[in-house]
Amino acid sequence: MNHNVYIYILLMAGVTYLIRMLPITLIKKDITSSFIRSFLYYVPYACLAAMTFPAILSATGNTISAAAGFVVALIAAYKEKSLITVALLACLVVFLVERVLVLL
């Protein structure tokens, strides 16, 4: 099988362009529905969560340490800590849990 990577790149560029261009050209007036506006408001957050969550659980060698870091990050974020504090706490917990699991 001889695959031409440039064809794939052009196809992906076309699909990406269409996805971004079609809403702009087809929807000319303001969106007045509060349901649709709130739905569109949360789409970026939902996409980010859907991309990040699987990576969190597979980022370490052990699912237990990844889950512990995730729980600590959720708690710190819920308490409105800064982004760097949340990240550092999660990393610290993952490191400590990994060390404890090595000893067991």
PDB file of N, CA and C in Angstrom:
ATOM      1  N   MET A   1       0.832  -1.182   0.000  1.00  0.00           N
ATOM      2  CA  MET A   1       0.000   0.000   0.000  1.00  0.00           C
ATOM      3  C   MET A   1       0.873   1.241   0.000  1.00  0.00           C
ATOM      4  N   ASN A   2       0.642   2.068  -0.965  1.00  0.00           N
ATOM      5  CA  ASN A   2       1.392   3.309  -1.059  1.00  0.00           C
ATOM      6  C   ASN A   2       0.431   4.449  -0.720  1.00  0.00           C
ATOM      7  N   HIS A   3       0.602   5.029   0.454  1.00  0.00           N
ATOM      8  CA  HIS A   3      -0.270   6.112   0.902  1.00  0.00           C
ATOM      9  C   HIS A   3       0.445   7.435   0.708  1.00  0.00           C
ATOM     10  N   ASN A   4      -0.292   8.376   0.159  1.00  0.00           N
ATOM     11  CA  ASN A   4       0.258   9.707  -0.027  1.00  0.00           C
ATOM     12  C   ASN A   4      -0.202  10.580   1.142  1.00  0.00           C
ATOM     13  N   VAL A   5       0.716  10.989   1.982  1.00  0.00           N
ATOM     14  CA  VAL A   5       0.392  11.747   3.181  1.00  0.00           C
ATOM     15  C   VAL A   5      -0.193  13.113   2.830  1.00  0.00           C
ATOM     16  N   TYR A   6       0.146  13.670   1.677  1.00  0.00           N
ATOM     17  CA  TYR A   6      -0.357  14.986   1.297  1.00  0.00           C
ATOM     18  C   TYR A   6      -1.860  14.950   1.020  1.00  0.00           C
ATOM     19  N   ILE A   7      -2.357  13.834   0.512  1.00  0.00           N
ATOM     20  CA  ILE A   7      -3.787  13.699   0.298  1.00  0.00           C
ATOM     21  C   ILE A   7      -4.509  13.715   1.646  1.00  0.00           C
ATOM     22  N   TYR A   8      -3.965  13.024   2.628  1.00  0.00           N
ATOM     23  CA  TYR A   8      -4.555  13.013   3.962  1.00  0.00           C
ATOM     24  C   TYR A   8      -4.564  14.404   4.580  1.00  0.00           C
ATOM     25  N   ILE A   9      -3.463  15.107   4.435  1.00  0.00           N
ATOM     26  CA  ILE A   9      -3.371  16.454   4.997  1.00  0.00           C
ATOM     27  C   ILE A   9      -4.369  17.383   4.338  1.00  0.00           C
ATOM     28  N   LEU A  10      -4.485  17.340   3.017  1.00  0.00           N
ATOM     29  CA  LEU A  10      -5.451  18.180   2.315  1.00  0.00           C
ATOM     30  C   LEU A  10      -6.888  17.840   2.699  1.00  0.00           C
ATOM     31  N   LEU A  11      -7.185  16.561   2.844  1.00  0.00           N
ATOM     32  CA  LEU A  11      -8.520  16.146   3.250  1.00  0.00           C
ATOM     33  C   LEU A  11      -8.846  16.638   4.658  1.00  0.00           C
ATOM     34  N   MET A  12      -7.898  16.511   5.563  1.00  0.00           N
ATOM     35  CA  MET A  12      -8.107  16.990   6.934  1.00  0.00           C
ATOM     36  C   MET A  12      -8.262  18.512   6.963  1.00  0.00           C
ATOM     37  N   ALA A  13      -7.482  19.213   6.159  1.00  0.00           N
ATOM     38  CA  ALA A  13      -7.602  20.672   6.099  1.00  0.00           C
ATOM     39  C   ALA A  13      -8.967  21.075   5.560  1.00  0.00           C
ATOM     40  N   GLY A  14      -9.458  20.366   4.544  1.00  0.00           N
ATOM     41  CA  GLY A  14     -10.778  20.669   3.992  1.00  0.00           C
ATOM     42  C   GLY A  14     -11.887  20.434   4.996  1.00  0.00           C
ATOM     43  N   VAL A  15     -11.823  19.323   5.702  1.00  0.00           N
ATOM     44  CA  VAL A  15     -12.846  19.028   6.707  1.00  0.00           C
ATOM     45  C   VAL A  15     -12.810  20.058   7.826  1.00  0.00           C
ATOM     46  N   THR A  16     -11.625  20.409   8.286  1.00  0.00           N
ATOM     47  CA  THR A  16     -11.492  21.408   9.347  1.00  0.00           C
ATOM     48  C   THR A  16     -12.034  22.759   8.887  1.00  0.00           C
ATOM     49  N   TYR A  17     -11.727  23.134   7.661  1.00  0.00           N
ATOM     50  CA  TYR A  17     -12.214  24.406   7.124  1.00  0.00           C
ATOM     51  C   TYR A  17     -13.737  24.406   7.035  1.00  0.00           C
ATOM     52  N   LEU A  18     -14.314  23.317   6.553  1.00  0.00           N
ATOM     53  CA  LEU A  18     -15.776  23.246   6.428  1.00  0.00           C
ATOM     54  C   LEU A  18     -16.462  23.325   7.788  1.00  0.00           C
ATOM     55  N   ILE A  19     -15.909  22.650   8.775  1.00  0.00           N
ATOM     56  CA  ILE A  19     -16.499  22.681  10.113  1.00  0.00           C
ATOM     57  C   ILE A  19     -16.504  24.098  10.674  1.00  0.00           C
ATOM     58  N   ARG A  20     -15.486  24.858  10.378  1.00  0.00           N
ATOM     59  CA  ARG A  20     -15.405  26.223  10.908  1.00  0.00           C
ATOM     60  C   ARG A  20     -16.147  27.234  10.034  1.00  0.00           C
ATOM     61  N   MET A  21     -16.223  26.980   8.737  1.00  0.00           N
ATOM     62  CA  MET A  21     -16.813  27.939   7.821  1.00  0.00           C
ATOM     63  C   MET A  21     -18.336  27.830   7.746  1.00  0.00           C
ATOM     64  N   LEU A  22     -18.884  26.627   7.794  1.00  0.00           N
ATOM     65  CA  LEU A  22     -20.321  26.437   7.618  1.00  0.00           C
ATOM     66  C   LEU A  22     -21.181  27.168   8.657  1.00  0.00           C
ATOM     67  N   PRO A  23     -20.875  27.100   9.941  1.00  0.00           N
ATOM     68  CA  PRO A  23     -21.723  27.855  10.886  1.00  0.00           C
ATOM     69  C   PRO A  23     -21.701  29.361  10.641  1.00  0.00           C
ATOM     70  N   ILE A  24     -20.575  29.883  10.235  1.00  0.00           N
ATOM     71  CA  ILE A  24     -20.474  31.326   9.989  1.00  0.00           C
ATOM     72  C   ILE A  24     -21.322  31.729   8.795  1.00  0.00           C
ATOM     73  N   THR A  25     -21.332  30.914   7.754  1.00  0.00           N
ATOM     74  CA  THR A  25     -22.074  31.263   6.549  1.00  0.00           C
ATOM     75  C   THR A  25     -23.560  30.925   6.647  1.00  0.00           C
ATOM     76  N   LEU A  26     -23.917  29.885   7.400  1.00  0.00           N
ATOM     77  CA  LEU A  26     -25.316  29.471   7.452  1.00  0.00           C
ATOM     78  C   LEU A  26     -26.123  30.201   8.524  1.00  0.00           C
ATOM     79  N   ILE A  27     -25.482  30.604   9.598  1.00  0.00           N
ATOM     80  CA  ILE A  27     -26.190  31.286  10.692  1.00  0.00           C
ATOM     81  C   ILE A  27     -25.816  32.762  10.640  1.00  0.00           C
ATOM     82  N   LYS A  28     -26.730  33.568  10.127  1.00  0.00           N
ATOM     83  CA  LYS A  28     -26.432  34.994   9.951  1.00  0.00           C
ATOM     84  C   LYS A  28     -26.981  35.855  11.087  1.00  0.00           C
ATOM     85  N   LYS A  29     -28.068  35.420  11.735  1.00  0.00           N
ATOM     86  CA  LYS A  29     -28.655  36.250  12.783  1.00  0.00           C
ATOM     87  C   LYS A  29     -28.211  35.767  14.167  1.00  0.00           C
ATOM     88  N   ASP A  30     -28.456  36.600  15.161  1.00  0.00           N
ATOM     89  CA  ASP A  30     -28.084  36.252  16.535  1.00  0.00           C
ATOM     90  C   ASP A  30     -28.910  35.075  17.034  1.00  0.00           C
ATOM     91  N   ILE A  31     -28.282  34.270  17.894  1.00  0.00           N
ATOM     92  CA  ILE A  31     -28.976  33.141  18.509  1.00  0.00           C
ATOM     93  C   ILE A  31     -29.703  33.666  19.737  1.00  0.00           C
ATOM     94  N   THR A  32     -31.028  33.545  19.728  1.00  0.00           N
ATOM     95  CA  THR A  32     -31.814  34.090  20.834  1.00  0.00           C
ATOM     96  C   THR A  32     -32.256  33.030  21.834  1.00  0.00           C
ATOM     97  N   SER A  33     -32.196  31.772  21.471  1.00  0.00           N
ATOM     98  CA  SER A  33     -32.619  30.702  22.373  1.00  0.00           C
ATOM     99  C   SER A  33     -31.618  30.589  23.524  1.00  0.00           C
ATOM    100  N   SER A  34     -32.125  30.702  24.737  1.00  0.00           N
ATOM    101  CA  SER A  34     -31.231  30.623  25.900  1.00  0.00           C
ATOM    102  C   SER A  34     -30.657  29.216  26.062  1.00  0.00           C
ATOM    103  N   PHE A  35     -31.431  28.195  25.657  1.00  0.00           N
ATOM    104  CA  PHE A  35     -30.931  26.820  25.747  1.00  0.00           C
ATOM    105  C   PHE A  35     -29.740  26.618  24.807  1.00  0.00           C
ATOM    106  N   ILE A  36     -29.870  27.046  23.569  1.00  0.00           N
ATOM    107  CA  ILE A  36     -28.776  26.874  22.603  1.00  0.00           C
ATOM    108  C   ILE A  36     -27.576  27.714  22.995  1.00  0.00           C
ATOM    109  N   ARG A  37     -27.805  28.928  23.484  1.00  0.00           N
ATOM    110  CA  ARG A  37     -26.688  29.772  23.914  1.00  0.00           C
ATOM    111  C   ARG A  37     -25.931  29.136  25.083  1.00  0.00           C
ATOM    112  N   SER A  38     -26.665  28.592  26.062  1.00  0.00           N
ATOM    113  CA  SER A  38     -25.982  27.961  27.197  1.00  0.00           C
ATOM    114  C   SER A  38     -25.290  26.671  26.752  1.00  0.00           C
ATOM    115  N   PHE A  39     -25.899  25.934  25.821  1.00  0.00           N
ATOM    116  CA  PHE A  39     -25.263  24.734  25.291  1.00  0.00           C
ATOM    117  C   PHE A  39     -23.945  25.083  24.599  1.00  0.00           C
ATOM    118  N   LEU A  40     -23.956  26.089  23.754  1.00  0.00           N
ATOM    119  CA  LEU A  40     -22.738  26.498  23.044  1.00  0.00           C
ATOM    120  C   LEU A  40     -21.699  27.086  23.982  1.00  0.00           C
ATOM    121  N   TYR A  41     -22.139  27.662  25.093  1.00  0.00           N
ATOM    122  CA  TYR A  41     -21.202  28.211  26.064  1.00  0.00           C
ATOM    123  C   TYR A  41     -20.363  27.111  26.711  1.00  0.00           C
ATOM    124  N   TYR A  42     -20.984  25.952  26.983  1.00  0.00           N
ATOM    125  CA  TYR A  42     -20.294  24.879  27.690  1.00  0.00           C
ATOM    126  C   TYR A  42     -19.595  23.873  26.784  1.00  0.00           C
ATOM    127  N   VAL A  43     -19.744  23.963  25.482  1.00  0.00           N
ATOM    128  CA  VAL A  43     -19.116  23.012  24.562  1.00  0.00           C
ATOM    129  C   VAL A  43     -17.593  22.993  24.705  1.00  0.00           C
ATOM    130  N   PRO A  44     -16.902  24.134  24.755  1.00  0.00           N
ATOM    131  CA  PRO A  44     -15.437  24.062  24.901  1.00  0.00           C
ATOM    132  C   PRO A  44     -14.985  23.364  26.185  1.00  0.00           C
ATOM    133  N   TYR A  45     -15.698  23.591  27.277  1.00  0.00           N
ATOM    134  CA  TYR A  45     -15.333  22.949  28.540  1.00  0.00           C
ATOM    135  C   TYR A  45     -15.550  21.443  28.473  1.00  0.00           C
ATOM    136  N   ALA A  46     -16.641  21.041  27.850  1.00  0.00           N
ATOM    137  CA  ALA A  46     -16.933  19.614  27.726  1.00  0.00           C
ATOM    138  C   ALA A  46     -15.902  18.928  26.828  1.00  0.00           C
ATOM    139  N   CYS A  47     -15.512  19.589  25.744  1.00  0.00           N
ATOM    140  CA  CYS A  47     -14.497  19.009  24.851  1.00  0.00           C
ATOM    141  C   CYS A  47     -13.154  18.898  25.561  1.00  0.00           C
ATOM    142  N   LEU A  48     -12.786  19.920  26.302  1.00  0.00           N
ATOM    143  CA  LEU A  48     -11.527  19.879  27.040  1.00  0.00           C
ATOM    144  C   LEU A  48     -11.532  18.754  28.066  1.00  0.00           C
ATOM    145  N   ALA A  49     -12.634  18.600  28.772  1.00  0.00           N
ATOM    146  CA  ALA A  49     -12.732  17.520  29.759  1.00  0.00           C
ATOM    147  C   ALA A  49     -12.675  16.159  29.088  1.00  0.00           C
ATOM    148  N   ALA A  50     -13.335  16.018  27.951  1.00  0.00           N
ATOM    149  CA  ALA A  50     -13.341  14.729  27.241  1.00  0.00           C
ATOM    150  C   ALA A  50     -11.959  14.369  26.714  1.00  0.00           C
ATOM    151  N   MET A  51     -11.163  15.354  26.373  1.00  0.00           N
ATOM    152  CA  MET A  51      -9.807  15.078  25.895  1.00  0.00           C
ATOM    153  C   MET A  51      -8.829  14.869  27.047  1.00  0.00           C
ATOM    154  N   THR A  52      -9.042  15.554  28.164  1.00  0.00           N
ATOM    155  CA  THR A  52      -8.095  15.520  29.267  1.00  0.00           C
ATOM    156  C   THR A  52      -8.267  14.316  30.173  1.00  0.00           C
ATOM    157  N   PHE A  53      -9.496  13.923  30.465  1.00  0.00           N
ATOM    158  CA  PHE A  53      -9.745  12.872  31.446  1.00  0.00           C
ATOM    159  C   PHE A  53      -9.066  11.549  31.109  1.00  0.00           C
ATOM    160  N   PRO A  54      -9.155  11.028  29.877  1.00  0.00           N
ATOM    161  CA  PRO A  54      -8.447   9.770  29.597  1.00  0.00           C
ATOM    162  C   PRO A  54      -6.924   9.907  29.738  1.00  0.00           C
ATOM    163  N   ALA A  55      -6.409  11.079  29.395  1.00  0.00           N
ATOM    164  CA  ALA A  55      -4.965  11.298  29.526  1.00  0.00           C
ATOM    165  C   ALA A  55      -4.535  11.313  30.984  1.00  0.00           C
ATOM    166  N   ILE A  56      -5.402  11.802  31.860  1.00  0.00           N
ATOM    167  CA  ILE A  56      -5.078  11.822  33.288  1.00  0.00           C
ATOM    168  C   ILE A  56      -4.904  10.401  33.806  1.00  0.00           C
ATOM    169  N   LEU A  57      -5.818   9.527  33.446  1.00  0.00           N
ATOM    170  CA  LEU A  57      -5.773   8.164  33.972  1.00  0.00           C
ATOM    171  C   LEU A  57      -4.648   7.327  33.372  1.00  0.00           C
ATOM    172  N   SER A  58      -4.146   7.702  32.214  1.00  0.00           N
ATOM    173  CA  SER A  58      -3.072   6.927  31.598  1.00  0.00           C
ATOM    174  C   SER A  58      -1.717   7.634  31.666  1.00  0.00           C
ATOM    175  N   ALA A  59      -1.632   8.741  32.380  1.00  0.00           N
ATOM    176  CA  ALA A  59      -0.389   9.516  32.415  1.00  0.00           C
ATOM    177  C   ALA A  59       0.683   8.873  33.284  1.00  0.00           C
ATOM    178  N   THR A  60       0.273   8.103  34.274  1.00  0.00           N
ATOM    179  CA  THR A  60       1.243   7.470  35.161  1.00  0.00           C
ATOM    180  C   THR A  60       1.270   5.972  34.897  1.00  0.00           C
ATOM    181  N   GLY A  61       2.168   5.312  35.546  1.00  0.00           N
ATOM    182  CA  GLY A  61       2.261   3.873  35.380  1.00  0.00           C
ATOM    183  C   GLY A  61       1.203   3.115  36.154  1.00  0.00           C
ATOM    184  N   ASN A  62       0.528   3.791  37.054  1.00  0.00           N
ATOM    185  CA  ASN A  62      -0.446   3.133  37.923  1.00  0.00           C
ATOM    186  C   ASN A  62      -1.738   3.942  37.944  1.00  0.00           C
ATOM    187  N   THR A  63      -2.855   3.282  37.760  1.00  0.00           N
ATOM    188  CA  THR A  63      -4.153   3.963  37.754  1.00  0.00           C
ATOM    189  C   THR A  63      -4.506   4.497  39.131  1.00  0.00           C
ATOM    190  N   ILE A  64      -4.037   3.856  40.184  1.00  0.00           N
ATOM    191  CA  ILE A  64      -4.340   4.307  41.550  1.00  0.00           C
ATOM    192  C   ILE A  64      -3.716   5.669  41.814  1.00  0.00           C
ATOM    193  N   SER A  65      -2.463   5.850  41.432  1.00  0.00           N
ATOM    194  CA  SER A  65      -1.821   7.150  41.647  1.00  0.00           C
ATOM    195  C   SER A  65      -2.444   8.227  40.768  1.00  0.00           C
ATOM    196  N   ALA A  66      -2.838   7.857  39.555  1.00  0.00           N
ATOM    197  CA  ALA A  66      -3.495   8.826  38.675  1.00  0.00           C
ATOM    198  C   ALA A  66      -4.843   9.257  39.246  1.00  0.00           C
ATOM    199  N   ALA A  67      -5.606   8.303  39.768  1.00  0.00           N
ATOM    200  CA  ALA A  67      -6.906   8.625  40.358  1.00  0.00           C
ATOM    201  C   ALA A  67      -6.736   9.481  41.608  1.00  0.00           C
ATOM    202  N   ALA A  68      -5.713   9.194  42.412  1.00  0.00           N
ATOM    203  CA  ALA A  68      -5.468   9.997  43.615  1.00  0.00           C
ATOM    204  C   ALA A  68      -5.116  11.440  43.243  1.00  0.00           C
ATOM    205  N   GLY A  69      -4.268  11.603  42.249  1.00  0.00           N
ATOM    206  CA  GLY A  69      -3.931  12.948  41.788  1.00  0.00           C
ATOM    207  C   GLY A  69      -5.135  13.679  41.225  1.00  0.00           C
ATOM    208  N   PHE A  70      -5.995  12.950  40.513  1.00  0.00           N
ATOM    209  CA  PHE A  70      -7.199  13.542  39.947  1.00  0.00           C
ATOM    210  C   PHE A  70      -8.148  14.011  41.051  1.00  0.00           C
ATOM    211  N   VAL A  71      -8.321  13.195  42.069  1.00  0.00           N
ATOM    212  CA  VAL A  71      -9.216  13.564  43.180  1.00  0.00           C
ATOM    213  C   VAL A  71      -8.681  14.788  43.903  1.00  0.00           C
ATOM    214  N   VAL A  72      -7.387  14.829  44.151  1.00  0.00           N
ATOM    215  CA  VAL A  72      -6.792  15.992  44.824  1.00  0.00           C
ATOM    216  C   VAL A  72      -6.927  17.239  43.959  1.00  0.00           C
ATOM    217  N   ALA A  73      -6.735  17.101  42.655  1.00  0.00           N
ATOM    218  CA  ALA A  73      -6.894  18.244  41.758  1.00  0.00           C
ATOM    219  C   ALA A  73      -8.335  18.746  41.760  1.00  0.00           C
ATOM    220  N   LEU A  74      -9.297  17.821  41.771  1.00  0.00           N
ATOM    221  CA  LEU A  74     -10.710  18.238  41.823  1.00  0.00           C
ATOM    222  C   LEU A  74     -11.022  18.995  43.108  1.00  0.00           C
ATOM    223  N   ILE A  75     -10.525  18.494  44.222  1.00  0.00           N
ATOM    224  CA  ILE A  75     -10.787  19.149  45.509  1.00  0.00           C
ATOM    225  C   ILE A  75     -10.145  20.531  45.545  1.00  0.00           C
ATOM    226  N   ALA A  76      -8.901  20.632  45.095  1.00  0.00           N
ATOM    227  CA  ALA A  76      -8.208  21.924  45.099  1.00  0.00           C
ATOM    228  C   ALA A  76      -8.884  22.914  44.146  1.00  0.00           C
ATOM    229  N   ALA A  77      -9.327  22.428  42.994  1.00  0.00           N
ATOM    230  CA  ALA A  77     -10.012  23.317  42.049  1.00  0.00           C
ATOM    231  C   ALA A  77     -11.364  23.753  42.609  1.00  0.00           C
ATOM    232  N   TYR A  78     -12.052  22.861  43.295  1.00  0.00           N
ATOM    233  CA  TYR A  78     -13.337  23.196  43.895  1.00  0.00           C
ATOM    234  C   TYR A  78     -13.172  24.273  44.969  1.00  0.00           C
ATOM    235  N   LYS A  79     -12.032  24.241  45.661  1.00  0.00           N
ATOM    236  CA  LYS A  79     -11.756  25.245  46.692  1.00  0.00           C
ATOM    237  C   LYS A  79     -11.164  26.518  46.091  1.00  0.00           C
ATOM    238  N   GLU A  80     -11.202  26.620  44.758  1.00  0.00           N
ATOM    239  CA  GLU A  80     -10.787  27.802  43.993  1.00  0.00           C
ATOM    240  C   GLU A  80      -9.318  28.163  44.197  1.00  0.00           C
ATOM    241  N   LYS A  81      -8.466  27.156  44.232  1.00  0.00           N
ATOM    242  CA  LYS A  81      -7.026  27.396  44.266  1.00  0.00           C
ATOM    243  C   LYS A  81      -6.552  27.779  42.862  1.00  0.00           C
ATOM    244  N   SER A  82      -5.383  28.368  42.781  1.00  0.00           N
ATOM    245  CA  SER A  82      -4.868  28.778  41.473  1.00  0.00           C
ATOM    246  C   SER A  82      -4.470  27.553  40.649  1.00  0.00           C
ATOM    247  N   LEU A  83      -4.346  27.754  39.357  1.00  0.00           N
ATOM    248  CA  LEU A  83      -4.030  26.656  38.451  1.00  0.00           C
ATOM    249  C   LEU A  83      -2.690  26.016  38.796  1.00  0.00           C
ATOM    250  N   ILE A  84      -1.703  26.821  39.131  1.00  0.00           N
ATOM    251  CA  ILE A  84      -0.384  26.277  39.454  1.00  0.00           C
ATOM    252  C   ILE A  84      -0.450  25.490  40.766  1.00  0.00           C
ATOM    253  N   THR A  85      -1.243  25.948  41.716  1.00  0.00           N
ATOM    254  CA  THR A  85      -1.394  25.223  42.976  1.00  0.00           C
ATOM    255  C   THR A  85      -2.069  23.879  42.750  1.00  0.00           C
ATOM    256  N   VAL A  86      -3.115  23.857  41.936  1.00  0.00           N
ATOM    257  CA  VAL A  86      -3.814  22.605  41.628  1.00  0.00           C
ATOM    258  C   VAL A  86      -2.862  21.622  40.956  1.00  0.00           C
ATOM    259  N   ALA A  87      -2.108  22.099  39.981  1.00  0.00           N
ATOM    260  CA  ALA A  87      -1.183  21.225  39.264  1.00  0.00           C
ATOM    261  C   ALA A  87      -0.084  20.700  40.181  1.00  0.00           C
ATOM    262  N   LEU A  88       0.462  21.568  41.004  1.00  0.00           N
ATOM    263  CA  LEU A  88       1.532  21.134  41.912  1.00  0.00           C
ATOM    264  C   LEU A  88       1.030  20.144  42.954  1.00  0.00           C
ATOM    265  N   LEU A  89      -0.146  20.381  43.490  1.00  0.00           N
ATOM    266  CA  LEU A  89      -0.704  19.441  44.463  1.00  0.00           C
ATOM    267  C   LEU A  89      -0.973  18.078  43.831  1.00  0.00           C
ATOM    268  N   ALA A  90      -1.527  18.085  42.637  1.00  0.00           N
ATOM    269  CA  ALA A  90      -1.803  16.816  41.954  1.00  0.00           C
ATOM    270  C   ALA A  90      -0.506  16.062  41.665  1.00  0.00           C
ATOM    271  N   CYS A  91       0.507  16.778  41.205  1.00  0.00           N
ATOM    272  CA  CYS A  91       1.802  16.134  40.933  1.00  0.00           C
ATOM    273  C   CYS A  91       2.426  15.590  42.198  1.00  0.00           C
ATOM    274  N   LEU A  92       2.337  16.342  43.283  1.00  0.00           N
ATOM    275  CA  LEU A  92       2.893  15.897  44.554  1.00  0.00           C
ATOM    276  C   LEU A  92       2.194  14.632  45.051  1.00  0.00           C
ATOM    277  N   VAL A  93       0.883  14.601  44.952  1.00  0.00           N
ATOM    278  CA  VAL A  93       0.137  13.421  45.400  1.00  0.00           C
ATOM    279  C   VAL A  93       0.470  12.215  44.528  1.00  0.00           C
ATOM    280  N   VAL A  94       0.551  12.403  43.233  1.00  0.00           N
ATOM    281  CA  VAL A  94       0.921  11.290  42.344  1.00  0.00           C
ATOM    282  C   VAL A  94       2.306  10.773  42.705  1.00  0.00           C
ATOM    283  N   PHE A  95       3.237  11.684  42.937  1.00  0.00           N
ATOM    284  CA  PHE A  95       4.597  11.281  43.304  1.00  0.00           C
ATOM    285  C   PHE A  95       4.600  10.486  44.610  1.00  0.00           C
ATOM    286  N   LEU A  96       3.903  10.992  45.613  1.00  0.00           N
ATOM    287  CA  LEU A  96       3.883  10.312  46.912  1.00  0.00           C
ATOM    288  C   LEU A  96       3.200   8.951  46.830  1.00  0.00           C
ATOM    289  N   VAL A  97       2.109   8.866  46.112  1.00  0.00           N
ATOM    290  CA  VAL A  97       1.397   7.583  45.985  1.00  0.00           C
ATOM    291  C   VAL A  97       2.265   6.581  45.216  1.00  0.00           C
ATOM    292  N   GLU A  98       2.956   7.051  44.199  1.00  0.00           N
ATOM    293  CA  GLU A  98       3.869   6.168  43.457  1.00  0.00           C
ATOM    294  C   GLU A  98       4.967   5.633  44.374  1.00  0.00           C
ATOM    295  N   ARG A  99       5.529   6.506  45.229  1.00  0.00           N
ATOM    296  CA  ARG A  99       6.568   6.074  46.161  1.00  0.00           C
ATOM    297  C   ARG A  99       6.027   5.047  47.158  1.00  0.00           C
ATOM    298  N   VAL A 100       4.834   5.283  47.659  1.00  0.00           N
ATOM    299  CA  VAL A 100       4.225   4.343  48.619  1.00  0.00           C
ATOM    300  C   VAL A 100       3.949   3.006  47.948  1.00  0.00           C
ATOM    301  N   LEU A 101       3.447   3.042  46.727  1.00  0.00           N
ATOM    302  CA  LEU A 101       3.147   1.787  46.022  1.00  0.00           C
ATOM    303  C   LEU A 101       4.398   0.995  45.693  1.00  0.00           C
ATOM    304  N   VAL A 102       5.539   1.681  45.507  1.00  0.00           N
ATOM    305  CA  VAL A 102       6.785   0.979  45.257  1.00  0.00           C
ATOM    306  C   VAL A 102       7.230   0.226  46.508  1.00  0.00           C
ATOM    307  N   LEU A 103       6.967   0.839  47.661  1.00  0.00           N
ATOM    308  CA  LEU A 103       7.373   0.208  48.926  1.00  0.00           C
ATOM    309  C   LEU A 103       6.521  -1.012  49.259  1.00  0.00           C
ATOM    310  N   LEU A 104       5.293  -1.034  48.765  1.00  0.00           N
ATOM    311  CA  LEU A 104       4.396  -2.157  49.083  1.00  0.00           C
ATOM    312  C   LEU A 104       4.717  -3.321  48.243  1.00  0.00           C
TER     313      LEU A 104
END
